[in-house]
C-alpha atoms as a PDB file:
ATOM      1  CA  UNK A   1      52.395  -9.747 -58.455  1.00  0.00           C
ATOM      2  CA  UNK A   2      48.707  -8.858 -58.378  1.00  0.00           C
ATOM      3  CA  UNK A   3      48.714  -8.705 -54.592  1.00  0.00           C
ATOM      4  CA  UNK A   4      51.701  -6.354 -54.493  1.00  0.00           C
ATOM      5  CA  UNK A   5      50.118  -4.040 -57.045  1.00  0.00           C
ATOM      6  CA  UNK A   6      46.898  -3.992 -55.048  1.00  0.00           C
ATOM      7  CA  UNK A   7      48.740  -3.177 -51.818  1.00  0.00           C
ATOM      8  CA  UNK A   8      50.722  -0.414 -53.573  1.00  0.00           C
ATOM      9  CA  UNK A   9      47.517   1.215 -54.871  1.00  0.00           C
ATOM     10  CA  UNK A  10      45.887   0.933 -51.443  1.00  0.00           C
ATOM     11  CA  UNK A  11      48.831   2.623 -49.737  1.00  0.00           C
ATOM     12  CA  UNK A  12      49.019   5.311 -52.443  1.00  0.00           C
ATOM     13  CA  UNK A  13      45.364   6.254 -52.190  1.00  0.00           C
ATOM     14  CA  UNK A  14      45.490   6.231 -48.409  1.00  0.00           C
ATOM     15  CA  UNK A  15      48.377   8.702 -48.475  1.00  0.00           C
ATOM     16  CA  UNK A  16      46.523  10.889 -50.957  1.00  0.00           C
ATOM     17  CA  UNK A  17      43.425  11.018 -48.723  1.00  0.00           C
ATOM     18  CA  UNK A  18      45.511  11.854 -45.647  1.00  0.00           C
ATOM     19  CA  UNK A  19      47.312  14.660 -47.463  1.00  0.00           C
ATOM     20  CA  UNK A  20      43.979  16.026 -48.755  1.00  0.00           C
ATOM     21  CA  UNK A  21      42.593  16.148 -45.211  1.00  0.00           C
ATOM     22  CA  UNK A  22      45.723  17.909 -43.926  1.00  0.00           C
ATOM     23  CA  UNK A  23      45.558  20.438 -46.739  1.00  0.00           C
ATOM     24  CA  UNK A  24      41.864  21.066 -45.993  1.00  0.00           C
ATOM     25  CA  UNK A  25      42.621  21.834 -42.350  1.00  0.00           C
ATOM     26  CA  UNK A  26      45.485  24.142 -43.355  1.00  0.00           C
ATOM     27  CA  UNK A  27      43.256  26.056 -45.751  1.00  0.00           C
ATOM     28  CA  UNK A  28      40.519  26.380 -43.125  1.00  0.00           C
ATOM     29  CA  UNK A  29      43.072  27.677 -40.580  1.00  0.00           C
ATOM     30  CA  UNK A  30      44.307  30.293 -43.070  1.00  0.00           C
ATOM     31  CA  UNK A  31      40.843  31.452 -44.145  1.00  0.00           C
ATOM     32  CA  UNK A  32      39.244  31.457 -40.664  1.00  0.00           C
ATOM     33  CA  UNK A  33      42.046  31.250 -38.095  1.00  0.00           C
ATOM     34  CA  UNK A  34      39.765  31.843 -35.079  1.00  0.00           C
ATOM     35  CA  UNK A  35      36.872  29.702 -36.303  1.00  0.00           C
ATOM     36  CA  UNK A  36      34.567  32.692 -36.189  1.00  0.00           C
ATOM     37  CA  UNK A  37      32.178  31.260 -38.753  1.00  0.00           C
ATOM     38  CA  UNK A  38      31.716  28.061 -36.735  1.00  0.00           C
ATOM     39  CA  UNK A  39      31.510  29.933 -33.464  1.00  0.00           C
ATOM     40  CA  UNK A  40      28.952  32.394 -34.849  1.00  0.00           C
ATOM     41  CA  UNK A  41      26.779  29.570 -36.128  1.00  0.00           C
ATOM     42  CA  UNK A  42      27.071  27.702 -32.834  1.00  0.00           C
ATOM     43  CA  UNK A  43      26.265  30.845 -30.811  1.00  0.00           C
ATOM     44  CA  UNK A  44      23.213  31.563 -32.980  1.00  0.00           C
ATOM     45  CA  UNK A  45      21.977  28.045 -32.355  1.00  0.00           C
ATOM     46  CA  UNK A  46      22.515  28.443 -28.598  1.00  0.00           C
ATOM     47  CA  UNK A  47      20.613  31.735 -28.544  1.00  0.00           C
ATOM     48  CA  UNK A  48      17.727  30.284 -30.557  1.00  0.00           C
ATOM     49  CA  UNK A  49      17.533  27.224 -28.319  1.00  0.00           C
ATOM     50  CA  UNK A  50      17.645  29.343 -25.155  1.00  0.00           C
ATOM     51  CA  UNK A  51      14.859  31.630 -26.400  1.00  0.00           C
ATOM     52  CA  UNK A  52      12.687  28.662 -27.394  1.00  0.00           C
ATOM     53  CA  UNK A  53      13.179  26.976 -24.021  1.00  0.00           C
ATOM     54  CA  UNK A  54      13.125  29.928 -21.608  1.00  0.00           C
ATOM     55  CA  UNK A  55      11.941  33.065 -23.436  1.00  0.00           C
ATOM     56  CA  UNK A  56      13.894  35.959 -24.900  1.00  0.00           C
ATOM     57  CA  UNK A  57      13.983  38.052 -21.705  1.00  0.00           C
ATOM     58  CA  UNK A  58      15.659  35.194 -19.805  1.00  0.00           C
ATOM     59  CA  UNK A  59      18.585  34.708 -22.224  1.00  0.00           C
ATOM     60  CA  UNK A  60      21.812  36.710 -22.600  1.00  0.00           C
ATOM     61  CA  UNK A  61      23.840  37.524 -25.739  1.00  0.00           C
ATOM     62  CA  UNK A  62      25.800  34.269 -25.444  1.00  0.00           C
ATOM     63  CA  UNK A  63      22.742  32.044 -25.488  1.00  0.00           C
ATOM     64  CA  UNK A  64      22.869  31.308 -21.753  1.00  0.00           C
ATOM     65  CA  UNK A  65      20.105  31.913 -19.238  1.00  0.00           C
ATOM     66  CA  UNK A  66      20.519  35.003 -17.062  1.00  0.00           C
ATOM     67  CA  UNK A  67      21.654  34.785 -13.426  1.00  0.00           C
ATOM     68  CA  UNK A  68      18.318  36.181 -12.218  1.00  0.00           C
ATOM     69  CA  UNK A  69      16.390  33.572 -14.165  1.00  0.00           C
ATOM     70  CA  UNK A  70      18.717  30.855 -12.874  1.00  0.00           C
ATOM     71  CA  UNK A  71      17.886  31.937  -9.334  1.00  0.00           C
ATOM     72  CA  UNK A  72      14.181  31.680 -10.152  1.00  0.00           C
ATOM     73  CA  UNK A  73      14.706  28.189 -11.552  1.00  0.00           C
ATOM     74  CA  UNK A  74      16.693  27.136  -8.487  1.00  0.00           C
ATOM     75  CA  UNK A  75      13.933  28.482  -6.235  1.00  0.00           C
ATOM     76  CA  UNK A  76      11.266  26.555  -8.152  1.00  0.00           C
ATOM     77  CA  UNK A  77      13.366  23.384  -8.007  1.00  0.00           C
ATOM     78  CA  UNK A  78      13.798  23.806  -4.251  1.00  0.00           C
ATOM     79  CA  UNK A  79      10.067  24.400  -3.769  1.00  0.00           C
ATOM     80  CA  UNK A  80       9.294  21.307  -5.844  1.00  0.00           C
ATOM     81  CA  UNK A  81      11.758  19.270  -3.767  1.00  0.00           C
ATOM     82  CA  UNK A  82      10.194  20.439  -0.498  1.00  0.00           C
ATOM     83  CA  UNK A  83       6.679  19.765  -1.827  1.00  0.00           C
ATOM     84  CA  UNK A  84       7.704  16.248  -2.878  1.00  0.00           C
ATOM     85  CA  UNK A  85       9.241  15.556   0.531  1.00  0.00           C
ATOM     86  CA  UNK A  86       6.059  16.784   2.218  1.00  0.00           C
ATOM     87  CA  UNK A  87       3.938  14.622  -0.093  1.00  0.00           C
ATOM     88  CA  UNK A  88       6.019  11.545   0.704  1.00  0.00           C
ATOM     89  CA  UNK A  89       5.892  12.317   4.434  1.00  0.00           C
ATOM     90  CA  UNK A  90       2.099  12.765   4.298  1.00  0.00           C
ATOM     91  CA  UNK A  91       1.723   9.538   2.334  1.00  0.00           C
ATOM     92  CA  UNK A  92       3.772   7.684   4.957  1.00  0.00           C
ATOM     93  CA  UNK A  93       1.691   9.249   7.740  1.00  0.00           C
ATOM     94  CA  UNK A  94      -1.567   8.193   6.089  1.00  0.00           C
ATOM     95  CA  UNK A  95      -0.271   4.643   5.551  1.00  0.00           C
ATOM     96  CA  UNK A  96       0.807   4.519   9.197  1.00  0.00           C
ATOM     97  CA  UNK A  97      -2.600   5.736  10.402  1.00  0.00           C
ATOM     98  CA  UNK A  98      -4.375   3.191   8.169  1.00  0.00           C
ATOM     99  CA  UNK A  99      -2.156   0.379   9.455  1.00  0.00           C
ATOM    100  CA  UNK A 100      -2.679   1.573  13.032  1.00  0.00           C
ATOM    101  CA  UNK A 101      -6.466   1.676  12.582  1.00  0.00           C
ATOM    102  CA  UNK A 102      -6.464  -1.781  10.975  1.00  0.00           C
ATOM    103  CA  UNK A 103      -4.380  -3.207  13.815  1.00  0.00           C
ATOM    104  CA  UNK A 104      -6.825  -1.701  16.309  1.00  0.00           C
ATOM    105  CA  UNK A 105      -9.817  -3.162  14.431  1.00  0.00           C
ATOM    106  CA  UNK A 106      -8.132  -6.551  14.240  1.00  0.00           C
ATOM    107  CA  UNK A 107      -7.358  -6.408  17.941  1.00  0.00           C
ATOM    108  CA  UNK A 108     -10.930  -5.434  18.806  1.00  0.00           C
ATOM    109  CA  UNK A 109     -12.300  -8.182  16.541  1.00  0.00           C
ATOM    110  CA  UNK A 110     -10.011 -10.772  18.120  1.00  0.00           C
ATOM    111  CA  UNK A 111     -11.121  -9.617  21.573  1.00  0.00           C
ATOM    112  CA  UNK A 112     -14.782  -9.739  20.526  1.00  0.00           C
ATOM    113  CA  UNK A 113     -14.362 -13.213  19.027  1.00  0.00           C
ATOM    114  CA  UNK A 114     -12.696 -14.385  22.207  1.00  0.00           C
ATOM    115  CA  UNK A 115     -15.553 -12.971  24.289  1.00  0.00           C
ATOM    116  CA  UNK A 116     -18.113 -14.659  22.036  1.00  0.00           C
ATOM    117  CA  UNK A 117     -16.304 -17.988  22.286  1.00  0.00           C
ATOM    118  CA  UNK A 118     -16.296 -17.735  26.083  1.00  0.00           C
ATOM    119  CA  UNK A 119     -19.989 -16.756  26.166  1.00  0.00           C
ATOM    120  CA  UNK A 120     -20.935 -19.579  23.792  1.00  0.00           C
ATOM    121  CA  UNK A 121     -19.125 -22.125  25.936  1.00  0.00           C
ATOM    122  CA  UNK A 122     -20.791 -20.779  29.101  1.00  0.00           C
ATOM    123  CA  UNK A 123     -24.286 -21.008  27.545  1.00  0.00           C
ATOM    124  CA  UNK A 124     -23.716 -24.518  26.227  1.00  0.00           C
ATOM    125  CA  UNK A 125     -22.577 -25.570  29.699  1.00  0.00           C
ATOM    126  CA  UNK A 126     -25.741 -24.030  31.233  1.00  0.00           C
ATOM    127  CA  UNK A 127     -27.875 -25.990  28.757  1.00  0.00           C
ATOM    128  CA  UNK A 128     -25.935 -29.178  29.405  1.00  0.00           C
ATOM    129  CA  UNK A 129     -26.285 -28.838  33.182  1.00  0.00           C
ATOM    130  CA  UNK A 130     -30.061 -28.370  32.841  1.00  0.00           C
ATOM    131  CA  UNK A 131     -30.438 -31.820  31.237  1.00  0.00           C
ATOM    132  CA  UNK A 132     -31.415 -34.913  33.231  1.00  0.00           C
ATOM    133  CA  UNK A 133     -28.292 -36.621  31.929  1.00  0.00           C
ATOM    134  CA  UNK A 134     -25.701 -33.945  31.105  1.00  0.00           C
ATOM    135  CA  UNK A 135     -23.295 -36.463  29.606  1.00  0.00           C
ATOM    136  CA  UNK A 136     -25.981 -37.511  27.065  1.00  0.00           C
ATOM    137  CA  UNK A 137     -26.458 -34.105  25.482  1.00  0.00           C
ATOM    138  CA  UNK A 138     -25.678 -33.718  21.774  1.00  0.00           C
ATOM    139  CA  UNK A 139     -25.659 -30.239  20.275  1.00  0.00           C
ATOM    140  CA  UNK A 140     -26.394 -29.662  16.592  1.00  0.00           C
ATOM    141  CA  UNK A 141     -23.820 -26.944  16.065  1.00  0.00           C
ATOM    142  CA  UNK A 142     -24.864 -26.185  12.481  1.00  0.00           C
ATOM    143  CA  UNK A 143     -28.250 -25.007  13.828  1.00  0.00           C
ATOM    144  CA  UNK A 144     -26.812 -22.381  16.191  1.00  0.00           C
ATOM    145  CA  UNK A 145     -28.160 -18.849  16.082  1.00  0.00           C
ATOM    146  CA  UNK A 146     -26.151 -16.561  18.328  1.00  0.00           C
ATOM    147  CA  UNK A 147     -25.946 -12.862  19.094  1.00  0.00           C
ATOM    148  CA  UNK A 148     -23.771 -10.718  21.326  1.00  0.00           C
ATOM    149  CA  UNK A 149     -24.281  -7.071  22.240  1.00  0.00           C
ATOM    150  CA  UNK A 150     -23.475  -4.506  24.912  1.00  0.00           C
ATOM    151  CA  UNK A 151     -25.603  -4.647  28.001  1.00  0.00           C
ATOM    152  CA  UNK A 152     -27.805  -1.750  29.069  1.00  0.00           C
ATOM    153  CA  UNK A 153     -25.481  -0.964  31.947  1.00  0.00           C
ATOM    154  CA  UNK A 154     -22.102  -1.060  30.240  1.00  0.00           C
ATOM    155  CA  UNK A 155     -20.336   0.148  33.391  1.00  0.00           C
ATOM    156  CA  UNK A 156     -21.793  -2.624  35.568  1.00  0.00           C
ATOM    157  CA  UNK A 157     -20.302  -5.948  36.546  1.00  0.00           C
ATOM    158  CA  UNK A 158     -21.557  -7.624  33.373  1.00  0.00           C
ATOM    159  CA  UNK A 159     -21.132  -5.192  30.447  1.00  0.00           C
ATOM    160  CA  UNK A 160     -21.987  -7.776  27.762  1.00  0.00           C
ATOM    161  CA  UNK A 161     -25.043  -9.900  26.910  1.00  0.00           C
ATOM    162  CA  UNK A 162     -25.128 -13.037  24.788  1.00  0.00           C
ATOM    163  CA  UNK A 163     -27.928 -15.278  23.563  1.00  0.00           C
ATOM    164  CA  UNK A 164     -28.001 -18.523  21.620  1.00  0.00           C
ATOM    165  CA  UNK A 165     -30.648 -20.795  20.111  1.00  0.00           C
ATOM    166  CA  UNK A 166     -29.500 -24.292  19.201  1.00  0.00           C
ATOM    167  CA  UNK A 167     -30.994 -27.691  18.392  1.00  0.00           C
ATOM    168  CA  UNK A 168     -30.013 -30.329  20.904  1.00  0.00           C
ATOM    169  CA  UNK A 169     -30.752 -33.961  21.658  1.00  0.00           C
ATOM    170  CA  UNK A 170     -31.235 -34.943  25.310  1.00  0.00           C
ATOM    171  CA  UNK A 171     -31.884 -38.314  26.914  1.00  0.00           C
ATOM    172  CA  UNK A 172     -35.083 -38.652  28.915  1.00  0.00           C
ATOM    173  CA  UNK A 173     -35.739 -40.881  31.910  1.00  0.00           C
ATOM    174  CA  UNK A 174     -36.491 -43.839  29.616  1.00  0.00           C
ATOM    175  CA  UNK A 175     -33.115 -43.639  27.857  1.00  0.00           C
ATOM    176  CA  UNK A 176     -34.551 -42.176  24.658  1.00  0.00           C
ATOM    177  CA  UNK A 177     -32.745 -39.314  22.869  1.00  0.00           C
ATOM    178  CA  UNK A 178     -35.308 -36.605  22.125  1.00  0.00           C
ATOM    179  CA  UNK A 179     -34.890 -33.578  19.867  1.00  0.00           C
ATOM    180  CA  UNK A 180     -35.174 -30.205  21.576  1.00  0.00           C
ATOM    181  CA  UNK A 181     -34.614 -26.551  20.900  1.00  0.00           C
ATOM    182  CA  UNK A 182     -32.629 -24.740  23.596  1.00  0.00           C
ATOM    183  CA  UNK A 183     -32.467 -21.021  24.270  1.00  0.00           C
ATOM    184  CA  UNK A 184     -29.895 -19.456  26.576  1.00  0.00           C
ATOM    185  CA  UNK A 185     -29.216 -15.838  27.487  1.00  0.00           C
ATOM    186  CA  UNK A 186     -26.456 -14.657  29.798  1.00  0.00           C
ATOM    187  CA  UNK A 187     -24.807 -11.491  31.054  1.00  0.00           C
ATOM    188  CA  UNK A 188     -21.013 -11.820  31.235  1.00  0.00           C
ATOM    189  CA  UNK A 189     -17.648 -10.156  31.571  1.00  0.00           C
ATOM    190  CA  UNK A 190     -14.124 -11.327  30.825  1.00  0.00           C
ATOM    191  CA  UNK A 191     -14.047 -13.874  33.620  1.00  0.00           C
ATOM    192  CA  UNK A 192     -17.548 -14.889  34.685  1.00  0.00           C
ATOM    193  CA  UNK A 193     -21.192 -14.988  33.581  1.00  0.00           C
ATOM    194  CA  UNK A 194     -24.728 -14.823  34.991  1.00  0.00           C
ATOM    195  CA  UNK A 195     -27.653 -16.799  33.574  1.00  0.00           C
ATOM    196  CA  UNK A 196     -30.533 -14.549  32.503  1.00  0.00           C
ATOM    197  CA  UNK A 197     -32.855 -16.938  30.646  1.00  0.00           C
ATOM    198  CA  UNK A 198     -32.804 -20.662  29.851  1.00  0.00           C
ATOM    199  CA  UNK A 199     -35.536 -22.565  28.025  1.00  0.00           C
ATOM    200  CA  UNK A 200     -35.574 -26.031  26.476  1.00  0.00           C
ATOM    201  CA  UNK A 201     -38.597 -26.998  24.383  1.00  0.00           C
ATOM    202  CA  UNK A 202     -39.494 -30.144  22.454  1.00  0.00           C
ATOM    203  CA  UNK A 203     -39.240 -30.051  18.682  1.00  0.00           C
END
């Protein structure tokens, strides 16, 4: 019985609330059939918001921005879009130029390293051939001091010059390995070299 009474009260109060809402809408429709009070309040808010955002001279009586001001806004938006596209394009161009310059530097460095490797090998071979027993020559590679630079006549047959100083052990005529200091200087190009100076002194 308690449950039925509870359900009956719940239904009754629900119906009362629904009827009260319906009556409220009916009264509102009779008093203000066109909703002028709501519309006036809403329009006032729109006008105030428009003036705060864009200025009084750029708003009409309905709270909307004027057509002339809209054209100005559209023009500014278009200018901003073009400026952003130009900025992005310039940024891409700069990145491309940086990457291009880096690739060129890397290529030049690789070429220079290759030239130095070839020159080093040529000088070491000159030093080895100068020994009494070329097969008994031992270089101390950690002691190497090397330098490569452009020759005085860069347009000549040998545009590059290379020099190296290195500690080396060489066998003498008695079969004894003796410590020496070797100096070699060559002029060279991509394919061949010319010996300029070669000295081997005892240490």
